[in-house]
Amino acid sequence: NPQDAQKIAEQVLINKRSRETAERTRLNIKKKLSGSMDISN
């Protein structure tokens, strides 16, 4: 089922890349918000 396999592969990669993008965004926002905290944190 080559056509179904292509659909599955593309959807899984979309899920993977969107998850990684969301994680990077989360870490960037966390870093930005943490900037106002003192040096010990």
PDB file of all heavy atoms in Angstrom:
ATOM      1  N   ASN A   1       0.840  -1.207   0.000  1.00  0.00           N
ATOM      2  CA  ASN A   1       0.000   0.000   0.000  1.00  0.00           C
ATOM      3  C   ASN A   1       0.872   1.252   0.000  1.00  0.00           C
ATOM      4  O   ASN A   1       0.940   1.988   0.998  1.00  0.00           O
ATOM      5  CB  ASN A   1      -0.916   0.000   1.230  1.00  0.00           C
ATOM      6  CG  ASN A   1      -1.809  -1.220   1.311  1.00  0.00           C
ATOM      7  OD1 ASN A   1      -2.889  -1.259   0.740  1.00  0.00           O
ATOM      8  ND2 ASN A   1      -1.334  -2.229   2.036  1.00  0.00           N
ATOM      9  N   PRO A   2       1.572   1.511  -1.121  1.00  0.00           N
ATOM     10  CA  PRO A   2       2.530   2.637  -1.162  1.00  0.00           C
ATOM     11  C   PRO A   2       1.881   3.997  -0.916  1.00  0.00           C
ATOM     12  O   PRO A   2       2.479   4.861  -0.266  1.00  0.00           O
ATOM     13  CB  PRO A   2       3.134   2.549  -2.565  1.00  0.00           C
ATOM     14  CG  PRO A   2       2.157   1.727  -3.363  1.00  0.00           C
ATOM     15  CD  PRO A   2       1.526   0.797  -2.403  1.00  0.00           C
ATOM     16  N   GLN A   3       0.651   4.203  -1.420  1.00  0.00           N
ATOM     17  CA  GLN A   3      -0.007   5.506  -1.216  1.00  0.00           C
ATOM     18  C   GLN A   3      -0.357   5.717   0.253  1.00  0.00           C
ATOM     19  O   GLN A   3      -0.129   6.809   0.809  1.00  0.00           O
ATOM     20  CB  GLN A   3      -1.266   5.597  -2.088  1.00  0.00           C
ATOM     21  CG  GLN A   3      -0.972   5.689  -3.582  1.00  0.00           C
ATOM     22  CD  GLN A   3      -2.238   5.859  -4.403  1.00  0.00           C
ATOM     23  OE1 GLN A   3      -3.330   5.456  -3.976  1.00  0.00           O
ATOM     24  NE2 GLN A   3      -2.113   6.443  -5.578  1.00  0.00           N
ATOM     25  N   ASP A   4      -0.905   4.684   0.886  1.00  0.00           N
ATOM     26  CA  ASP A   4      -1.219   4.790   2.313  1.00  0.00           C
ATOM     27  C   ASP A   4       0.052   4.978   3.130  1.00  0.00           C
ATOM     28  O   ASP A   4       0.075   5.739   4.103  1.00  0.00           O
ATOM     29  CB  ASP A   4      -1.962   3.535   2.800  1.00  0.00           C
ATOM     30  CG  ASP A   4      -3.410   3.503   2.326  1.00  0.00           C
ATOM     31  OD1 ASP A   4      -3.895   4.543   1.838  1.00  0.00           O
ATOM     32  OD2 ASP A   4      -4.055   2.439   2.442  1.00  0.00           O
ATOM     33  N   ALA A   5       1.115   4.282   2.748  1.00  0.00           N
ATOM     34  CA  ALA A   5       2.388   4.401   3.462  1.00  0.00           C
ATOM     35  C   ALA A   5       2.918   5.833   3.397  1.00  0.00           C
ATOM     36  O   ALA A   5       3.430   6.369   4.391  1.00  0.00           O
ATOM     37  CB  ALA A   5       3.401   3.425   2.883  1.00  0.00           C
ATOM     38  N   GLN A   6       2.768   6.473   2.219  1.00  0.00           N
ATOM     39  CA  GLN A   6       3.212   7.868   2.065  1.00  0.00           C
ATOM     40  C   GLN A   6       2.401   8.795   2.973  1.00  0.00           C
ATOM     41  O   GLN A   6       2.953   9.677   3.639  1.00  0.00           O
ATOM     42  CB  GLN A   6       3.043   8.300   0.598  1.00  0.00           C
ATOM     43  CG  GLN A   6       4.003   7.660  -0.369  1.00  0.00           C
ATOM     44  CD  GLN A   6       5.398   8.275  -0.321  1.00  0.00           C
ATOM     45  OE1 GLN A   6       5.587   9.339   0.243  1.00  0.00           O
ATOM     46  NE2 GLN A   6       6.366   7.578  -0.882  1.00  0.00           N
ATOM     47  N   LYS A   7       1.084   8.572   3.018  1.00  0.00           N
ATOM     48  CA  LYS A   7       0.223   9.398   3.876  1.00  0.00           C
ATOM     49  C   LYS A   7       0.605   9.254   5.346  1.00  0.00           C
ATOM     50  O   LYS A   7       0.686  10.233   6.088  1.00  0.00           O
ATOM     51  CB  LYS A   7      -1.246   8.991   3.702  1.00  0.00           C
ATOM     52  CG  LYS A   7      -1.881   9.361   2.372  1.00  0.00           C
ATOM     53  CD  LYS A   7      -3.325   8.879   2.372  1.00  0.00           C
ATOM     54  CE  LYS A   7      -3.982   9.011   1.018  1.00  0.00           C
ATOM     55  NZ  LYS A   7      -5.356   8.456   1.028  1.00  0.00           N
ATOM     56  N   ILE A   8       0.832   7.995   5.755  1.00  0.00           N
ATOM     57  CA  ILE A   8       1.188   7.729   7.157  1.00  0.00           C
ATOM     58  C   ILE A   8       2.510   8.401   7.497  1.00  0.00           C
ATOM     59  O   ILE A   8       2.645   9.065   8.535  1.00  0.00           O
ATOM     60  CB  ILE A   8       1.271   6.205   7.405  1.00  0.00           C
ATOM     61  CG1 ILE A   8      -0.113   5.562   7.271  1.00  0.00           C
ATOM     62  CG2 ILE A   8       1.857   5.911   8.784  1.00  0.00           C
ATOM     63  CD1 ILE A   8      -0.088   4.044   7.194  1.00  0.00           C
ATOM     64  N   ALA A   9       3.506   8.228   6.608  1.00  0.00           N
ATOM     65  CA  ALA A   9       4.832   8.795   6.853  1.00  0.00           C
ATOM     66  C   ALA A   9       4.770  10.316   6.972  1.00  0.00           C
ATOM     67  O   ALA A   9       5.372  10.909   7.876  1.00  0.00           O
ATOM     68  CB  ALA A   9       5.781   8.396   5.724  1.00  0.00           C
ATOM     69  N   GLU A  10       4.033  10.944   6.057  1.00  0.00           N
ATOM     70  CA  GLU A  10       3.928  12.409   6.085  1.00  0.00           C
ATOM     71  C   GLU A  10       3.227  12.899   7.347  1.00  0.00           C
ATOM     72  O   GLU A  10       3.641  13.886   7.965  1.00  0.00           O
ATOM     73  CB  GLU A  10       3.185  12.898   4.837  1.00  0.00           C
ATOM     74  CG  GLU A  10       4.026  12.775   3.565  1.00  0.00           C
ATOM     75  CD  GLU A  10       3.197  12.981   2.294  1.00  0.00           C
ATOM     76  OE1 GLU A  10       2.011  13.372   2.423  1.00  0.00           O
ATOM     77  OE2 GLU A  10       3.727  12.740   1.198  1.00  0.00           O
ATOM     78  N   GLN A  11       2.157  12.185   7.768  1.00  0.00           N
ATOM     79  CA  GLN A  11       1.421  12.599   8.962  1.00  0.00           C
ATOM     80  C   GLN A  11       2.281  12.434  10.224  1.00  0.00           C
ATOM     81  O   GLN A  11       2.278  13.292  11.108  1.00  0.00           O
ATOM     82  CB  GLN A  11       0.134  11.790   9.105  1.00  0.00           C
ATOM     83  CG  GLN A  11      -0.767  12.225  10.257  1.00  0.00           C
ATOM     84  CD  GLN A  11      -1.237  13.664  10.131  1.00  0.00           C
ATOM     85  OE1 GLN A  11      -1.753  14.072   9.094  1.00  0.00           O
ATOM     86  NE2 GLN A  11      -1.043  14.443  11.190  1.00  0.00           N
ATOM     87  N   VAL A  12       3.023  11.339  10.288  1.00  0.00           N
ATOM     88  CA  VAL A  12       3.884  11.097  11.459  1.00  0.00           C
ATOM     89  C   VAL A  12       4.981  12.161  11.535  1.00  0.00           C
ATOM     90  O   VAL A  12       5.299  12.663  12.624  1.00  0.00           O
ATOM     91  CB  VAL A  12       4.485   9.680  11.397  1.00  0.00           C
ATOM     92  CG1 VAL A  12       5.587   9.502  12.432  1.00  0.00           C
ATOM     93  CG2 VAL A  12       3.402   8.636  11.609  1.00  0.00           C
ATOM     94  N   LEU A  13       5.559  12.522  10.387  1.00  0.00           N
ATOM     95  CA  LEU A  13       6.593  13.563  10.381  1.00  0.00           C
ATOM     96  C   LEU A  13       6.012  14.926  10.743  1.00  0.00           C
ATOM     97  O   LEU A  13       6.663  15.732  11.420  1.00  0.00           O
ATOM     98  CB  LEU A  13       7.277  13.610   9.010  1.00  0.00           C
ATOM     99  CG  LEU A  13       8.239  12.459   8.722  1.00  0.00           C
ATOM    100  CD1 LEU A  13       8.743  12.535   7.288  1.00  0.00           C
ATOM    101  CD2 LEU A  13       9.414  12.479   9.696  1.00  0.00           C
ATOM    102  N   ILE A  14       4.781  15.186  10.297  1.00  0.00           N
ATOM    103  CA  ILE A  14       4.111  16.435  10.702  1.00  0.00           C
ATOM    104  C   ILE A  14       3.946  16.475  12.222  1.00  0.00           C
ATOM    105  O   ILE A  14       4.220  17.498  12.868  1.00  0.00           O
ATOM    106  CB  ILE A  14       2.736  16.565  10.001  1.00  0.00           C
ATOM    107  CG1 ILE A  14       2.920  16.881   8.512  1.00  0.00           C
ATOM    108  CG2 ILE A  14       1.877  17.650  10.671  1.00  0.00           C
ATOM    109  CD1 ILE A  14       1.646  16.802   7.703  1.00  0.00           C
ATOM    110  N   ASN A  15       3.504  15.353  12.772  1.00  0.00           N
ATOM    111  CA  ASN A  15       3.333  15.274  14.231  1.00  0.00           C
ATOM    112  C   ASN A  15       4.656  15.497  14.957  1.00  0.00           C
ATOM    113  O   ASN A  15       4.719  16.210  15.962  1.00  0.00           O
ATOM    114  CB  ASN A  15       2.764  13.915  14.629  1.00  0.00           C
ATOM    115  CG  ASN A  15       1.357  13.690  14.117  1.00  0.00           C
ATOM    116  OD1 ASN A  15       0.662  14.625  13.747  1.00  0.00           O
ATOM    117  ND2 ASN A  15       0.926  12.441  14.099  1.00  0.00           N
ATOM    118  N   LYS A  16       5.704  14.861  14.424  1.00  0.00           N
ATOM    119  CA  LYS A  16       7.033  14.962  15.050  1.00  0.00           C
ATOM    120  C   LYS A  16       7.549  16.402  15.005  1.00  0.00           C
ATOM    121  O   LYS A  16       8.004  16.955  16.023  1.00  0.00           O
ATOM    122  CB  LYS A  16       7.995  14.021  14.335  1.00  0.00           C
ATOM    123  CG  LYS A  16       9.446  14.134  14.781  1.00  0.00           C
ATOM    124  CD  LYS A  16      10.327  13.242  13.948  1.00  0.00           C
ATOM    125  CE  LYS A  16      11.792  13.411  14.329  1.00  0.00           C
ATOM    126  NZ  LYS A  16      12.305  14.763  14.016  1.00  0.00           N
ATOM    127  N   ARG A  17       7.507  17.004  13.838  1.00  0.00           N
ATOM    128  CA  ARG A  17       8.076  18.350  13.675  1.00  0.00           C
ATOM    129  C   ARG A  17       7.262  19.411  14.413  1.00  0.00           C
ATOM    130  O   ARG A  17       7.820  20.360  14.960  1.00  0.00           O
ATOM    131  CB  ARG A  17       8.192  18.686  12.184  1.00  0.00           C
ATOM    132  CG  ARG A  17       9.297  17.878  11.502  1.00  0.00           C
ATOM    133  CD  ARG A  17       9.181  17.833  10.000  1.00  0.00           C
ATOM    134  NE  ARG A  17      10.208  16.944   9.432  1.00  0.00           N
ATOM    135  CZ  ARG A  17      10.184  16.487   8.188  1.00  0.00           C
ATOM    136  NH1 ARG A  17       9.180  16.802   7.366  1.00  0.00           N
ATOM    137  NH2 ARG A  17      11.153  15.697   7.755  1.00  0.00           N
ATOM    138  N   SER A  18       5.933  19.230  14.451  1.00  0.00           N
ATOM    139  CA  SER A  18       5.112  20.179  15.206  1.00  0.00           C
ATOM    140  C   SER A  18       5.375  20.044  16.700  1.00  0.00           C
ATOM    141  O   SER A  18       5.412  21.041  17.433  1.00  0.00           O
ATOM    142  CB  SER A  18       3.625  19.970  14.909  1.00  0.00           C
ATOM    143  OG  SER A  18       3.206  18.683  15.302  1.00  0.00           O
ATOM    144  N   ARG A  19       5.612  18.798  17.158  1.00  0.00           N
ATOM    145  CA  ARG A  19       5.940  18.590  18.580  1.00  0.00           C
ATOM    146  C   ARG A  19       7.272  19.243  18.926  1.00  0.00           C
ATOM    147  O   ARG A  19       7.402  19.915  19.958  1.00  0.00           O
ATOM    148  CB  ARG A  19       6.000  17.087  18.876  1.00  0.00           C
ATOM    149  CG  ARG A  19       6.427  16.751  20.292  1.00  0.00           C
ATOM    150  CD  ARG A  19       6.446  15.252  20.541  1.00  0.00           C
ATOM    151  NE  ARG A  19       7.295  14.518  19.619  1.00  0.00           N
ATOM    152  CZ  ARG A  19       8.619  14.417  19.749  1.00  0.00           C
ATOM    153  NH1 ARG A  19       9.241  15.014  20.748  1.00  0.00           N
ATOM    154  NH2 ARG A  19       9.314  13.716  18.873  1.00  0.00           N
ATOM    155  N   GLU A  20       8.273  19.060  18.048  1.00  0.00           N
ATOM    156  CA  GLU A  20       9.592  19.647  18.306  1.00  0.00           C
ATOM    157  C   GLU A  20       9.541  21.168  18.265  1.00  0.00           C
ATOM    158  O   GLU A  20      10.178  21.848  19.078  1.00  0.00           O
ATOM    159  CB  GLU A  20      10.597  19.118  17.281  1.00  0.00           C
ATOM    160  CG  GLU A  20      10.915  17.641  17.455  1.00  0.00           C
ATOM    161  CD  GLU A  20      11.761  17.077  16.333  1.00  0.00           C
ATOM    162  OE1 GLU A  20      11.805  17.699  15.245  1.00  0.00           O
ATOM    163  OE2 GLU A  20      12.356  16.002  16.526  1.00  0.00           O
ATOM    164  N   THR A  21       8.761  21.715  17.327  1.00  0.00           N
ATOM    165  CA  THR A  21       8.609  23.178  17.248  1.00  0.00           C
ATOM    166  C   THR A  21       7.936  23.720  18.505  1.00  0.00           C
ATOM    167  O   THR A  21       8.350  24.733  19.064  1.00  0.00           O
ATOM    168  CB  THR A  21       7.788  23.561  16.004  1.00  0.00           C
ATOM    169  OG1 THR A  21       8.423  23.043  14.833  1.00  0.00           O
ATOM    170  CG2 THR A  21       7.663  25.081  15.881  1.00  0.00           C
ATOM    171  N   ALA A  22       6.890  23.019  18.943  1.00  0.00           N
ATOM    172  CA  ALA A  22       6.181  23.440  20.157  1.00  0.00           C
ATOM    173  C   ALA A  22       7.100  23.386  21.375  1.00  0.00           C
ATOM    174  O   ALA A  22       7.060  24.274  22.240  1.00  0.00           O
ATOM    175  CB  ALA A  22       4.954  22.556  20.372  1.00  0.00           C
ATOM    176  N   GLU A  23       7.956  22.356  21.433  1.00  0.00           N
ATOM    177  CA  GLU A  23       8.887  22.224  22.561  1.00  0.00           C
ATOM    178  C   GLU A  23       9.922  23.348  22.548  1.00  0.00           C
ATOM    179  O   GLU A  23      10.254  23.912  23.597  1.00  0.00           O
ATOM    180  CB  GLU A  23       9.568  20.855  22.493  1.00  0.00           C
ATOM    181  CG  GLU A  23      10.528  20.568  23.628  1.00  0.00           C
ATOM    182  CD  GLU A  23       9.877  20.507  24.984  1.00  0.00           C
ATOM    183  OE1 GLU A  23       8.634  20.393  25.061  1.00  0.00           O
ATOM    184  OE2 GLU A  23      10.604  20.601  25.989  1.00  0.00           O
ATOM    185  N   ARG A  24      10.433  23.679  21.356  1.00  0.00           N
ATOM    186  CA  ARG A  24      11.402  24.792  21.254  1.00  0.00           C
ATOM    187  C   ARG A  24      10.758  26.107  21.667  1.00  0.00           C
ATOM    188  O   ARG A  24      11.357  26.917  22.367  1.00  0.00           O
ATOM    189  CB  ARG A  24      11.949  24.887  19.824  1.00  0.00           C
ATOM    190  CG  ARG A  24      12.992  23.842  19.488  1.00  0.00           C
ATOM    191  CD  ARG A  24      13.750  24.211  18.232  1.00  0.00           C
ATOM    192  NE  ARG A  24      12.867  24.265  17.069  1.00  0.00           N
ATOM    193  CZ  ARG A  24      12.624  23.222  16.274  1.00  0.00           C
ATOM    194  NH1 ARG A  24      13.194  22.044  16.526  1.00  0.00           N
ATOM    195  NH2 ARG A  24      11.825  23.350  15.232  1.00  0.00           N
ATOM    196  N   THR A  25       9.523  26.303  21.203  1.00  0.00           N
ATOM    197  CA  THR A  25       8.800  27.532  21.566  1.00  0.00           C
ATOM    198  C   THR A  25       8.590  27.604  23.077  1.00  0.00           C
ATOM    199  O   THR A  25       8.771  28.654  23.691  1.00  0.00           O
ATOM    200  CB  THR A  25       7.432  27.570  20.843  1.00  0.00           C
ATOM    201  OG1 THR A  25       7.638  27.454  19.435  1.00  0.00           O
ATOM    202  CG2 THR A  25       6.697  28.861  21.147  1.00  0.00           C
ATOM    203  N   ARG A  26       8.236  26.462  23.670  1.00  0.00           N
ATOM    204  CA  ARG A  26       8.021  26.435  25.121  1.00  0.00           C
ATOM    205  C   ARG A  26       9.294  26.799  25.875  1.00  0.00           C
ATOM    206  O   ARG A  26       9.268  27.593  26.823  1.00  0.00           O
ATOM    207  CB  ARG A  26       7.550  25.045  25.543  1.00  0.00           C
ATOM    208  CG  ARG A  26       7.172  24.925  27.013  1.00  0.00           C
ATOM    209  CD  ARG A  26       6.818  23.484  27.374  1.00  0.00           C
ATOM    210  NE  ARG A  26       7.988  22.641  27.413  1.00  0.00           N
ATOM    211  CZ  ARG A  26       8.821  22.551  28.452  1.00  0.00           C
ATOM    212  NH1 ARG A  26       8.605  23.267  29.537  1.00  0.00           N
ATOM    213  NH2 ARG A  26       9.865  21.755  28.417  1.00  0.00           N
ATOM    214  N   LEU A  27      10.432  26.214  25.442  1.00  0.00           N
ATOM    215  CA  LEU A  27      11.698  26.487  26.118  1.00  0.00           C
ATOM    216  C   LEU A  27      12.133  27.937  25.944  1.00  0.00           C
ATOM    217  O   LEU A  27      12.673  28.552  26.872  1.00  0.00           O
ATOM    218  CB  LEU A  27      12.783  25.536  25.590  1.00  0.00           C
ATOM    219  CG  LEU A  27      12.604  24.063  25.953  1.00  0.00           C
ATOM    220  CD1 LEU A  27      13.647  23.199  25.247  1.00  0.00           C
ATOM    221  CD2 LEU A  27      12.688  23.860  27.461  1.00  0.00           C
ATOM    222  N   ASN A  28      11.896  28.498  24.731  1.00  0.00           N
ATOM    223  CA  ASN A  28      12.259  29.903  24.486  1.00  0.00           C
ATOM    224  C   ASN A  28      11.445  30.849  25.359  1.00  0.00           C
ATOM    225  O   ASN A  28      11.975  31.813  25.921  1.00  0.00           O
ATOM    226  CB  ASN A  28      12.068  30.257  23.009  1.00  0.00           C
ATOM    227  CG  ASN A  28      13.106  29.600  22.116  1.00  0.00           C
ATOM    228  OD1 ASN A  28      14.199  29.247  22.588  1.00  0.00           O
ATOM    229  ND2 ASN A  28      12.778  29.416  20.849  1.00  0.00           N
ATOM    230  N   ILE A  29      10.133  30.583  25.452  1.00  0.00           N
ATOM    231  CA  ILE A  29       9.277  31.418  26.298  1.00  0.00           C
ATOM    232  C   ILE A  29       9.678  31.278  27.760  1.00  0.00           C
ATOM    233  O   ILE A  29       9.740  32.272  28.508  1.00  0.00           O
ATOM    234  CB  ILE A  29       7.790  31.038  26.100  1.00  0.00           C
ATOM    235  CG1 ILE A  29       7.327  31.413  24.690  1.00  0.00           C
ATOM    236  CG2 ILE A  29       6.907  31.720  27.147  1.00  0.00           C
ATOM    237  CD1 ILE A  29       5.939  30.926  24.336  1.00  0.00           C
ATOM    238  N   LYS A  30      10.010  30.055  28.175  1.00  0.00           N
ATOM    239  CA  LYS A  30      10.438  29.823  29.556  1.00  0.00           C
ATOM    240  C   LYS A  30      11.730  30.580  29.855  1.00  0.00           C
ATOM    241  O   LYS A  30      11.881  31.197  30.920  1.00  0.00           O
ATOM    242  CB  LYS A  30      10.648  28.320  29.770  1.00  0.00           C
ATOM    243  CG  LYS A  30      11.010  27.934  31.189  1.00  0.00           C
ATOM    244  CD  LYS A  30      11.186  26.434  31.314  1.00  0.00           C
ATOM    245  CE  LYS A  30      11.590  26.050  32.741  1.00  0.00           C
ATOM    246  NZ  LYS A  30      11.786  24.586  32.874  1.00  0.00           N
ATOM    247  N   LYS A  31      12.659  30.554  28.882  1.00  0.00           N
ATOM    248  CA  LYS A  31      13.927  31.263  29.059  1.00  0.00           C
ATOM    249  C   LYS A  31      13.710  32.768  29.142  1.00  0.00           C
ATOM    250  O   LYS A  31      14.311  33.472  29.960  1.00  0.00           O
ATOM    251  CB  LYS A  31      14.844  30.923  27.878  1.00  0.00           C
ATOM    252  CG  LYS A  31      16.254  31.444  27.995  1.00  0.00           C
ATOM    253  CD  LYS A  31      17.081  30.958  26.815  1.00  0.00           C
ATOM    254  CE  LYS A  31      18.508  31.508  26.909  1.00  0.00           C
ATOM    255  NZ  LYS A  31      19.333  31.071  25.760  1.00  0.00           N
ATOM    256  N   LYS A  32      12.792  33.249  28.288  1.00  0.00           N
ATOM    257  CA  LYS A  32      12.500  34.691  28.267  1.00  0.00           C
ATOM    258  C   LYS A  32      11.862  35.137  29.577  1.00  0.00           C
ATOM    259  O   LYS A  32      12.225  36.172  30.147  1.00  0.00           O
ATOM    260  CB  LYS A  32      11.565  34.984  27.099  1.00  0.00           C
ATOM    261  CG  LYS A  32      11.265  36.467  26.886  1.00  0.00           C
ATOM    262  CD  LYS A  32      10.380  36.648  25.664  1.00  0.00           C
ATOM    263  CE  LYS A  32      10.057  38.133  25.465  1.00  0.00           C
ATOM    264  NZ  LYS A  32       9.167  38.337  24.307  1.00  0.00           N
ATOM    265  N   LEU A  33      10.889  34.345  30.038  1.00  0.00           N
ATOM    266  CA  LEU A  33      10.211  34.697  31.289  1.00  0.00           C
ATOM    267  C   LEU A  33      11.140  34.568  32.485  1.00  0.00           C
ATOM    268  O   LEU A  33      11.007  35.287  33.472  1.00  0.00           O
ATOM    269  CB  LEU A  33       8.980  33.804  31.480  1.00  0.00           C
ATOM    270  CG  LEU A  33       7.844  34.005  30.475  1.00  0.00           C
ATOM    271  CD1 LEU A  33       6.769  32.946  30.676  1.00  0.00           C
ATOM    272  CD2 LEU A  33       7.237  35.391  30.601  1.00  0.00           C
ATOM    273  N   SER A  34      12.096  33.637  32.406  1.00  0.00           N
ATOM    274  CA  SER A  34      13.042  33.451  33.514  1.00  0.00           C
ATOM    275  C   SER A  34      14.071  34.562  33.581  1.00  0.00           C
ATOM    276  O   SER A  34      14.761  34.705  34.588  1.00  0.00           O
ATOM    277  CB  SER A  34      13.768  32.112  33.366  1.00  0.00           C
ATOM    278  OG  SER A  34      12.856  31.046  33.380  1.00  0.00           O
ATOM    279  N   GLY A  35      14.182  35.339  32.499  1.00  0.00           N
ATOM    280  CA  GLY A  35      15.174  36.412  32.467  1.00  0.00           C
ATOM    281  C   GLY A  35      14.982  37.453  33.548  1.00  0.00           C
ATOM    282  O   GLY A  35      15.925  38.109  33.979  1.00  0.00           O
ATOM    283  N   SER A  36      13.762  37.643  33.989  1.00  0.00           N
ATOM    284  CA  SER A  36      13.471  38.638  35.015  1.00  0.00           C
ATOM    285  C   SER A  36      13.800  38.146  36.416  1.00  0.00           C
ATOM    286  O   SER A  36      13.776  38.906  37.373  1.00  0.00           O
ATOM    287  CB  SER A  36      11.996  39.041  34.953  1.00  0.00           C
ATOM    288  OG  SER A  36      11.180  37.895  35.149  1.00  0.00           O
ATOM    289  N   MET A  37      14.125  36.848  36.541  1.00  0.00           N
ATOM    290  CA  MET A  37      14.448  36.292  37.858  1.00  0.00           C
ATOM    291  C   MET A  37      15.902  36.568  38.191  1.00  0.00           C
ATOM    292  O   MET A  37      16.709  36.905  37.323  1.00  0.00           O
ATOM    293  CB  MET A  37      14.173  34.785  37.874  1.00  0.00           C
ATOM    294  CG  MET A  37      12.707  34.454  37.634  1.00  0.00           C
ATOM    295  SD  MET A  37      12.437  32.696  37.412  1.00  0.00           S
ATOM    296  CE  MET A  37      12.752  32.118  39.071  1.00  0.00           C
ATOM    297  N   ASP A  38      16.267  36.441  39.439  1.00  0.00           N
ATOM    298  CA  ASP A  38      17.640  36.765  39.841  1.00  0.00           C
ATOM    299  C   ASP A  38      18.622  35.692  39.381  1.00  0.00           C
ATOM    300  O   ASP A  38      18.250  34.613  38.934  1.00  0.00           O
ATOM    301  CB  ASP A  38      17.735  36.990  41.353  1.00  0.00           C
ATOM    302  CG  ASP A  38      17.365  35.743  42.149  1.00  0.00           C
ATOM    303  OD1 ASP A  38      17.457  34.641  41.581  1.00  0.00           O
ATOM    304  OD2 ASP A  38      16.982  35.880  43.324  1.00  0.00           O
ATOM    305  N   ILE A  39      19.896  36.012  39.516  1.00  0.00           N
ATOM    306  CA  ILE A  39      20.967  35.182  38.962  1.00  0.00           C
ATOM    307  C   ILE A  39      21.002  33.784  39.562  1.00  0.00           C
ATOM    308  O   ILE A  39      21.359  32.812  38.901  1.00  0.00           O
ATOM    309  CB  ILE A  39      22.329  35.899  39.146  1.00  0.00           C
ATOM    310  CG1 ILE A  39      23.418  35.159  38.340  1.00  0.00           C
ATOM    311  CG2 ILE A  39      22.699  36.008  40.613  1.00  0.00           C
ATOM    312  CD1 ILE A  39      24.730  35.913  38.278  1.00  0.00           C
ATOM    313  N   SER A  40      20.604  33.661  40.831  1.00  0.00           N
ATOM    314  CA  SER A  40      20.697  32.358  41.496  1.00  0.00           C
ATOM    315  C   SER A  40      19.770  31.323  40.873  1.00  0.00           C
ATOM    316  O   SER A  40      20.001  30.135  40.960  1.00  0.00           O
ATOM    317  CB  SER A  40      20.380  32.503  42.993  1.00  0.00           C
ATOM    318  OG  SER A  40      19.053  32.949  43.175  1.00  0.00           O
ATOM    319  N   ASN A  41      18.695  31.765  40.199  1.00  0.00           N
ATOM    320  CA  ASN A  41      17.775  30.849  39.537  1.00  0.00           C
ATOM    321  C   ASN A  41      18.196  30.543  38.106  1.00  0.00           C
ATOM    322  O   ASN A  41      17.748  29.573  37.523  1.00  0.00           O
ATOM    323  CB  ASN A  41      16.359  31.426  39.532  1.00  0.00           C
ATOM    324  CG  ASN A  41      15.735  31.410  40.912  1.00  0.00           C
ATOM    325  OD1 ASN A  41      15.749  30.407  41.596  1.00  0.00           O
ATOM    326  ND2 ASN A  41      15.210  32.543  41.345  1.00  0.00           N
TER     327      ASN A  41
END
